[in-house]
Amino acid sequence: MVASRIFGIQIEGFKTDGFCCYADMLNHKRPRQTSWQYVDEQEGFVIEAIEDIARGEQVYDSYGRKCNSRFLLNYGFHNPNNDANEVPIDLYFNPEDPLLPQKLDMLDETKFKKGQRFRVLADFMEPIMHNFMSFARFVTFDDNVTILYQIKGQAMEALARQRQARQEDSDSDDLDDRFEAKDIKPISIDNERKTLQAIRTYCVSALNKYPETWEQD
């Protein structure tokens, strides 16, 4: 209940949370038509329209781009036309994979010992879907392991170029220098076919966790 009422605000440079009476009554709508913040000069919480709102029309706030599971849990409603719905799918390594030792050696074994969980969306153009497909290609790869080492080498070279470019622009360096199989493009027709077959198996497994139909829910 509390989580659905509070706003994250900044007062005199200090980040905190606060209850804002009446402001928490605005319903959700995307794209947003208002913005809000705590204004130190006015010593109060201010909501401003960022588009024209006619007199008498309802004023909305945006609760953000969230999956319906979060809307339901945190706010008690679901959005029937939500483009941000997610489904958790686990991409596990096959313990019988003869290339498993080499694959784990390329990755941070403490982080990827069993595999990785992705919260996938319906829109294939979402960045998470790119990472999902990339890691799936890595998991299902069963050809010459030299190809994987070449892919890792290319990824590390690209990372080094990014780091150099950032260092030239600023003193900060927040890039992780570990290989995470995030940017693997299609390797071969055979690997892509096996990747899609594996994804189908993962998806069926995820769907089987929900035995009731949409109508029953």
C-alpha atoms as a PDB file:
ATOM      1  CA  MET A   1       0.000   0.000   0.000  1.00  0.00           C
ATOM      2  CA  VAL A   2       2.753   2.449   0.939  1.00  0.00           C
ATOM      3  CA  ALA A   3       4.698   1.750  -2.258  1.00  0.00           C
ATOM      4  CA  SER A   4       1.722   2.864  -4.348  1.00  0.00           C
ATOM      5  CA  ARG A   5       1.435   6.204  -2.525  1.00  0.00           C
ATOM      6  CA  ILE A   6       4.955   7.581  -2.264  1.00  0.00           C
ATOM      7  CA  PHE A   7       6.940   9.738  -4.668  1.00  0.00           C
ATOM      8  CA  GLY A   8      10.712   9.754  -5.029  1.00  0.00           C
ATOM      9  CA  ILE A   9      11.741  13.380  -4.608  1.00  0.00           C
ATOM     10  CA  GLN A  10      14.811  15.514  -3.961  1.00  0.00           C
ATOM     11  CA  ILE A  11      14.744  18.231  -1.299  1.00  0.00           C
ATOM     12  CA  GLU A  12      17.702  20.613  -1.138  1.00  0.00           C
ATOM     13  CA  GLY A  13      19.866  18.031  -2.883  1.00  0.00           C
ATOM     14  CA  PHE A  14      18.801  15.165  -0.602  1.00  0.00           C
ATOM     15  CA  LYS A  15      17.015  12.201  -2.213  1.00  0.00           C
ATOM     16  CA  THR A  16      14.082  10.908  -0.222  1.00  0.00           C
ATOM     17  CA  ASP A  17      10.504   9.610  -0.513  1.00  0.00           C
ATOM     18  CA  GLY A  18       7.381  11.474   0.452  1.00  0.00           C
ATOM     19  CA  PHE A  19       3.600  11.222   0.653  1.00  0.00           C
ATOM     20  CA  CYS A  20       1.864  13.825  -1.517  1.00  0.00           C
ATOM     21  CA  CYS A  21      -1.831  14.081  -0.748  1.00  0.00           C
ATOM     22  CA  TYR A  22      -4.140  14.350  -3.782  1.00  0.00           C
ATOM     23  CA  ALA A  23      -1.178  13.914  -6.144  1.00  0.00           C
ATOM     24  CA  ASP A  24      -1.343  10.184  -5.440  1.00  0.00           C
ATOM     25  CA  MET A  25      -4.932  10.093  -6.729  1.00  0.00           C
ATOM     26  CA  LEU A  26      -3.970  10.684 -10.375  1.00  0.00           C
ATOM     27  CA  ASN A  27      -4.562   7.668 -12.592  1.00  0.00           C
ATOM     28  CA  HIS A  28      -1.964   6.190 -14.927  1.00  0.00           C
ATOM     29  CA  LYS A  29      -1.597   7.030 -18.605  1.00  0.00           C
ATOM     30  CA  ARG A  30       1.197   6.772 -21.170  1.00  0.00           C
ATOM     31  CA  PRO A  31       2.635   8.775 -22.753  1.00  0.00           C
ATOM     32  CA  ARG A  32       2.673  11.043 -19.739  1.00  0.00           C
ATOM     33  CA  GLN A  33       0.901  14.397 -19.816  1.00  0.00           C
ATOM     34  CA  THR A  34       2.338  15.777 -16.567  1.00  0.00           C
ATOM     35  CA  SER A  35       5.663  16.050 -14.770  1.00  0.00           C
ATOM     36  CA  TRP A  36       6.251  16.460 -11.059  1.00  0.00           C
ATOM     37  CA  GLN A  37       9.003  17.416  -8.632  1.00  0.00           C
ATOM     38  CA  TYR A  38       9.631  19.015  -5.277  1.00  0.00           C
ATOM     39  CA  VAL A  39      10.484  22.687  -5.794  1.00  0.00           C
ATOM     40  CA  ASP A  40      12.701  24.054  -3.056  1.00  0.00           C
ATOM     41  CA  GLU A  41      11.798  27.696  -3.776  1.00  0.00           C
ATOM     42  CA  GLN A  42       8.109  26.940  -3.306  1.00  0.00           C
ATOM     43  CA  GLU A  43       8.703  24.465  -0.478  1.00  0.00           C
ATOM     44  CA  GLY A  44       6.240  22.092  -2.016  1.00  0.00           C
ATOM     45  CA  PHE A  45       5.446  19.321  -4.459  1.00  0.00           C
ATOM     46  CA  VAL A  46       4.519  20.677  -7.898  1.00  0.00           C
ATOM     47  CA  ILE A  47       2.741  18.936 -10.778  1.00  0.00           C
ATOM     48  CA  GLU A  48       2.911  20.639 -14.163  1.00  0.00           C
ATOM     49  CA  ALA A  49       1.156  19.837 -17.428  1.00  0.00           C
ATOM     50  CA  ILE A  50       3.463  19.126 -20.367  1.00  0.00           C
ATOM     51  CA  GLU A  51       0.586  19.240 -22.867  1.00  0.00           C
ATOM     52  CA  ASP A  52      -2.682  21.125 -23.153  1.00  0.00           C
ATOM     53  CA  ILE A  53      -5.396  19.701 -20.886  1.00  0.00           C
ATOM     54  CA  ALA A  54      -8.907  21.040 -21.431  1.00  0.00           C
ATOM     55  CA  ARG A  55     -10.939  22.320 -18.516  1.00  0.00           C
ATOM     56  CA  GLY A  56     -12.909  19.471 -16.953  1.00  0.00           C
ATOM     57  CA  GLU A  57     -10.729  16.695 -18.398  1.00  0.00           C
ATOM     58  CA  GLN A  58      -9.109  14.155 -16.120  1.00  0.00           C
ATOM     59  CA  VAL A  59      -5.462  14.838 -15.285  1.00  0.00           C
ATOM     60  CA  TYR A  60      -3.196  11.793 -15.475  1.00  0.00           C
ATOM     61  CA  ASP A  61       0.219  10.835 -14.205  1.00  0.00           C
ATOM     62  CA  SER A  62       2.479   8.165 -15.678  1.00  0.00           C
ATOM     63  CA  TYR A  63       3.489   5.349 -13.344  1.00  0.00           C
ATOM     64  CA  GLY A  64       6.201   4.407 -15.810  1.00  0.00           C
ATOM     65  CA  ARG A  65       6.647   1.641 -18.346  1.00  0.00           C
ATOM     66  CA  LYS A  66       6.039  -1.494 -16.285  1.00  0.00           C
ATOM     67  CA  CYS A  67       4.836  -5.050 -16.683  1.00  0.00           C
ATOM     68  CA  ASN A  68       1.257  -5.751 -15.609  1.00  0.00           C
ATOM     69  CA  SER A  69       2.581  -7.952 -12.808  1.00  0.00           C
ATOM     70  CA  ARG A  70       4.099  -4.829 -11.215  1.00  0.00           C
ATOM     71  CA  PHE A  71       1.023  -2.720 -11.864  1.00  0.00           C
ATOM     72  CA  LEU A  72      -1.144  -5.354 -10.206  1.00  0.00           C
ATOM     73  CA  LEU A  73       1.189  -5.915  -7.264  1.00  0.00           C
ATOM     74  CA  ASN A  74       2.003  -2.264  -6.551  1.00  0.00           C
ATOM     75  CA  TYR A  75      -1.119  -0.434  -7.679  1.00  0.00           C
ATOM     76  CA  GLY A  76      -3.945  -2.978  -7.859  1.00  0.00           C
ATOM     77  CA  PHE A  77      -4.802  -2.723 -11.568  1.00  0.00           C
ATOM     78  CA  HIS A  78      -3.680  -4.092 -14.909  1.00  0.00           C
ATOM     79  CA  ASN A  79      -3.375  -2.398 -18.294  1.00  0.00           C
ATOM     80  CA  PRO A  80      -5.149  -4.443 -21.019  1.00  0.00           C
ATOM     81  CA  ASN A  81      -3.091  -2.788 -23.785  1.00  0.00           C
ATOM     82  CA  ASN A  82       0.304  -2.901 -22.138  1.00  0.00           C
ATOM     83  CA  ASP A  83       3.330  -2.999 -24.452  1.00  0.00           C
ATOM     84  CA  ALA A  84       5.701  -3.611 -21.519  1.00  0.00           C
ATOM     85  CA  ASN A  85       4.486  -7.007 -20.355  1.00  0.00           C
ATOM     86  CA  GLU A  86       7.362  -9.351 -19.526  1.00  0.00           C
ATOM     87  CA  VAL A  87       7.783 -13.090 -19.133  1.00  0.00           C
ATOM     88  CA  PRO A  88      10.762 -14.545 -17.236  1.00  0.00           C
ATOM     89  CA  ILE A  89      12.587 -17.178 -19.284  1.00  0.00           C
ATOM     90  CA  ASP A  90      15.652 -19.016 -18.017  1.00  0.00           C
ATOM     91  CA  LEU A  91      18.379 -19.934 -20.481  1.00  0.00           C
ATOM     92  CA  TYR A  92      20.217 -22.803 -18.824  1.00  0.00           C
ATOM     93  CA  PHE A  93      23.428 -24.442 -19.898  1.00  0.00           C
ATOM     94  CA  ASN A  94      23.133 -28.130 -20.718  1.00  0.00           C
ATOM     95  CA  PRO A  95      25.256 -29.922 -18.083  1.00  0.00           C
ATOM     96  CA  GLU A  96      26.061 -32.550 -20.740  1.00  0.00           C
ATOM     97  CA  ASP A  97      27.389 -29.924 -23.176  1.00  0.00           C
ATOM     98  CA  PRO A  98      30.998 -30.956 -24.036  1.00  0.00           C
ATOM     99  CA  LEU A  99      31.839 -27.258 -24.541  1.00  0.00           C
ATOM    100  CA  LEU A 100      30.483 -26.217 -21.133  1.00  0.00           C
ATOM    101  CA  PRO A 101      33.916 -25.867 -19.427  1.00  0.00           C
ATOM    102  CA  GLN A 102      35.148 -23.562 -22.204  1.00  0.00           C
ATOM    103  CA  LYS A 103      31.924 -21.539 -22.174  1.00  0.00           C
ATOM    104  CA  LEU A 104      32.108 -20.984 -18.433  1.00  0.00           C
ATOM    105  CA  ASP A 105      35.774 -20.105 -18.774  1.00  0.00           C
ATOM    106  CA  MET A 106      34.839 -17.293 -21.160  1.00  0.00           C
ATOM    107  CA  LEU A 107      32.223 -15.898 -18.768  1.00  0.00           C
ATOM    108  CA  ASP A 108      32.146 -14.887 -15.121  1.00  0.00           C
ATOM    109  CA  GLU A 109      31.444 -18.383 -13.792  1.00  0.00           C
ATOM    110  CA  THR A 110      30.071 -17.109 -10.470  1.00  0.00           C
ATOM    111  CA  LYS A 111      27.417 -15.115 -12.368  1.00  0.00           C
ATOM    112  CA  PHE A 112      26.605 -17.536 -15.184  1.00  0.00           C
ATOM    113  CA  LYS A 113      27.247 -20.934 -13.575  1.00  0.00           C
ATOM    114  CA  LYS A 114      23.822 -22.291 -14.563  1.00  0.00           C
ATOM    115  CA  GLY A 115      22.730 -19.756 -17.141  1.00  0.00           C
ATOM    116  CA  GLN A 116      20.821 -16.499 -17.087  1.00  0.00           C
ATOM    117  CA  ARG A 117      17.237 -15.314 -16.598  1.00  0.00           C
ATOM    118  CA  PHE A 118      15.753 -12.846 -19.075  1.00  0.00           C
ATOM    119  CA  ARG A 119      12.509 -10.926 -18.775  1.00  0.00           C
ATOM    120  CA  VAL A 120      11.465 -11.015 -22.417  1.00  0.00           C
ATOM    121  CA  LEU A 121       8.927  -8.793 -24.170  1.00  0.00           C
ATOM    122  CA  ALA A 122       6.740  -9.250 -27.228  1.00  0.00           C
ATOM    123  CA  ASP A 123       8.538  -6.512 -29.161  1.00  0.00           C
ATOM    124  CA  PHE A 124      11.567  -8.131 -30.767  1.00  0.00           C
ATOM    125  CA  MET A 125      13.192  -4.714 -31.241  1.00  0.00           C
ATOM    126  CA  GLU A 126      13.612  -4.212 -27.486  1.00  0.00           C
ATOM    127  CA  PRO A 127      17.284  -4.233 -26.348  1.00  0.00           C
ATOM    128  CA  ILE A 128      16.627  -7.091 -23.913  1.00  0.00           C
ATOM    129  CA  MET A 129      15.535  -9.277 -26.828  1.00  0.00           C
ATOM    130  CA  HIS A 130      18.859  -8.645 -28.561  1.00  0.00           C
ATOM    131  CA  ASN A 131      20.690  -9.813 -25.419  1.00  0.00           C
ATOM    132  CA  PHE A 132      18.330 -12.783 -25.076  1.00  0.00           C
ATOM    133  CA  MET A 133      18.972 -14.022 -28.597  1.00  0.00           C
ATOM    134  CA  SER A 134      22.700 -13.430 -28.239  1.00  0.00           C
ATOM    135  CA  PHE A 135      22.988 -15.481 -25.054  1.00  0.00           C
ATOM    136  CA  ALA A 136      20.772 -18.210 -26.528  1.00  0.00           C
ATOM    137  CA  ARG A 137      23.169 -18.550 -29.473  1.00  0.00           C
ATOM    138  CA  PHE A 138      26.042 -18.882 -27.021  1.00  0.00           C
ATOM    139  CA  VAL A 139      24.253 -21.512 -24.908  1.00  0.00           C
ATOM    140  CA  THR A 140      23.253 -23.698 -27.872  1.00  0.00           C
ATOM    141  CA  PHE A 141      26.540 -23.418 -29.785  1.00  0.00           C
ATOM    142  CA  ASP A 142      28.034 -26.890 -30.387  1.00  0.00           C
ATOM    143  CA  ASP A 143      30.527 -26.364 -33.211  1.00  0.00           C
ATOM    144  CA  ASN A 144      34.257 -25.608 -33.157  1.00  0.00           C
ATOM    145  CA  VAL A 145      34.942 -23.802 -29.879  1.00  0.00           C
ATOM    146  CA  THR A 146      37.569 -21.665 -31.635  1.00  0.00           C
ATOM    147  CA  ILE A 147      34.681 -19.730 -33.186  1.00  0.00           C
ATOM    148  CA  LEU A 148      33.441 -18.748 -29.728  1.00  0.00           C
ATOM    149  CA  TYR A 149      36.891 -17.581 -28.692  1.00  0.00           C
ATOM    150  CA  GLN A 150      37.038 -15.477 -31.870  1.00  0.00           C
ATOM    151  CA  ILE A 151      33.656 -13.957 -31.015  1.00  0.00           C
ATOM    152  CA  LYS A 152      34.834 -13.174 -27.493  1.00  0.00           C
ATOM    153  CA  GLY A 153      38.036 -11.616 -28.847  1.00  0.00           C
ATOM    154  CA  GLN A 154      36.072  -9.358 -31.184  1.00  0.00           C
ATOM    155  CA  ALA A 155      33.755  -8.350 -28.337  1.00  0.00           C
ATOM    156  CA  MET A 156      36.674  -7.467 -26.065  1.00  0.00           C
ATOM    157  CA  GLU A 157      38.307  -5.416 -28.840  1.00  0.00           C
ATOM    158  CA  ALA A 158      35.066  -3.484 -29.323  1.00  0.00           C
ATOM    159  CA  LEU A 159      34.859  -2.938 -25.558  1.00  0.00           C
ATOM    160  CA  ALA A 160      38.423  -1.598 -25.512  1.00  0.00           C
ATOM    161  CA  ARG A 161      37.537   0.894 -28.264  1.00  0.00           C
ATOM    162  CA  GLN A 162      34.476   2.031 -26.303  1.00  0.00           C
ATOM    163  CA  ARG A 163      36.557   2.470 -23.169  1.00  0.00           C
ATOM    164  CA  GLN A 164      39.146   4.530 -25.007  1.00  0.00           C
ATOM    165  CA  ALA A 165      36.461   6.745 -26.530  1.00  0.00           C
ATOM    166  CA  ARG A 166      34.876   7.338 -23.135  1.00  0.00           C
ATOM    167  CA  GLN A 167      38.183   8.135 -21.500  1.00  0.00           C
ATOM    168  CA  GLU A 168      38.826  10.733 -24.189  1.00  0.00           C
ATOM    169  CA  ASP A 169      35.431  12.330 -23.506  1.00  0.00           C
ATOM    170  CA  SER A 170      35.580  12.173 -19.698  1.00  0.00           C
ATOM    171  CA  ASP A 171      37.546  10.812 -16.773  1.00  0.00           C
ATOM    172  CA  SER A 172      34.870   8.260 -15.876  1.00  0.00           C
ATOM    173  CA  ASP A 173      35.121   4.625 -16.887  1.00  0.00           C
ATOM    174  CA  ASP A 174      32.013   2.649 -15.977  1.00  0.00           C
ATOM    175  CA  LEU A 175      32.327  -0.106 -18.583  1.00  0.00           C
ATOM    176  CA  ASP A 176      32.448  -3.694 -17.363  1.00  0.00           C
ATOM    177  CA  ASP A 177      35.409  -5.471 -18.947  1.00  0.00           C
ATOM    178  CA  ARG A 178      33.908  -8.957 -18.653  1.00  0.00           C
ATOM    179  CA  PHE A 179      32.540 -10.920 -21.589  1.00  0.00           C
ATOM    180  CA  GLU A 180      28.822 -11.596 -21.114  1.00  0.00           C
ATOM    181  CA  ALA A 181      27.836 -12.917 -24.568  1.00  0.00           C
ATOM    182  CA  LYS A 182      25.621  -9.873 -25.119  1.00  0.00           C
ATOM    183  CA  ASP A 183      26.370  -9.016 -28.732  1.00  0.00           C
ATOM    184  CA  ILE A 184      26.597 -12.304 -30.631  1.00  0.00           C
ATOM    185  CA  LYS A 185      25.075 -12.008 -34.072  1.00  0.00           C
ATOM    186  CA  PRO A 186      23.838 -15.084 -36.003  1.00  0.00           C
ATOM    187  CA  ILE A 187      26.754 -17.514 -36.199  1.00  0.00           C
ATOM    188  CA  SER A 188      25.493 -20.028 -38.744  1.00  0.00           C
ATOM    189  CA  ILE A 189      22.244 -21.374 -40.143  1.00  0.00           C
ATOM    190  CA  ASP A 190      22.628 -24.528 -38.049  1.00  0.00           C
ATOM    191  CA  ASN A 191      23.230 -22.602 -34.823  1.00  0.00           C
ATOM    192  CA  GLU A 192      20.334 -20.249 -35.527  1.00  0.00           C
ATOM    193  CA  ARG A 193      17.993 -23.198 -36.138  1.00  0.00           C
ATOM    194  CA  LYS A 194      19.071 -24.873 -32.891  1.00  0.00           C
ATOM    195  CA  THR A 195      18.758 -21.573 -31.052  1.00  0.00           C
ATOM    196  CA  LEU A 196      15.164 -21.084 -32.203  1.00  0.00           C
ATOM    197  CA  GLN A 197      14.305 -24.687 -31.330  1.00  0.00           C
ATOM    198  CA  ALA A 198      15.775 -24.216 -27.856  1.00  0.00           C
ATOM    199  CA  ILE A 199      13.844 -20.966 -27.364  1.00  0.00           C
ATOM    200  CA  ARG A 200      10.642 -22.778 -28.287  1.00  0.00           C
ATOM    201  CA  THR A 201      11.399 -25.370 -25.597  1.00  0.00           C
ATOM    202  CA  TYR A 202      12.099 -22.644 -23.035  1.00  0.00           C
ATOM    203  CA  CYS A 203       8.867 -20.831 -23.936  1.00  0.00           C
ATOM    204  CA  VAL A 204       6.746 -23.980 -23.682  1.00  0.00           C
ATOM    205  CA  SER A 205       8.281 -24.650 -20.270  1.00  0.00           C
ATOM    206  CA  ALA A 206       7.440 -21.103 -19.159  1.00  0.00           C
ATOM    207  CA  LEU A 207       3.844 -21.377 -20.462  1.00  0.00           C
ATOM    208  CA  ASN A 208       3.325 -24.668 -18.642  1.00  0.00           C
ATOM    209  CA  LYS A 209       3.648 -22.768 -15.368  1.00  0.00           C
ATOM    210  CA  TYR A 210       0.296 -21.150 -16.165  1.00  0.00           C
ATOM    211  CA  PRO A 211      -2.181 -24.029 -16.708  1.00  0.00           C
ATOM    212  CA  GLU A 212      -5.289 -21.801 -16.727  1.00  0.00           C
ATOM    213  CA  THR A 213      -6.395 -20.077 -19.904  1.00  0.00           C
ATOM    214  CA  TRP A 214      -6.572 -16.296 -20.317  1.00  0.00           C
ATOM    215  CA  GLU A 215     -10.369 -16.517 -20.128  1.00  0.00           C
ATOM    216  CA  GLN A 216     -10.170 -18.469 -16.828  1.00  0.00           C
ATOM    217  CA  ASP A 217      -7.864 -15.879 -15.341  1.00  0.00           C
END
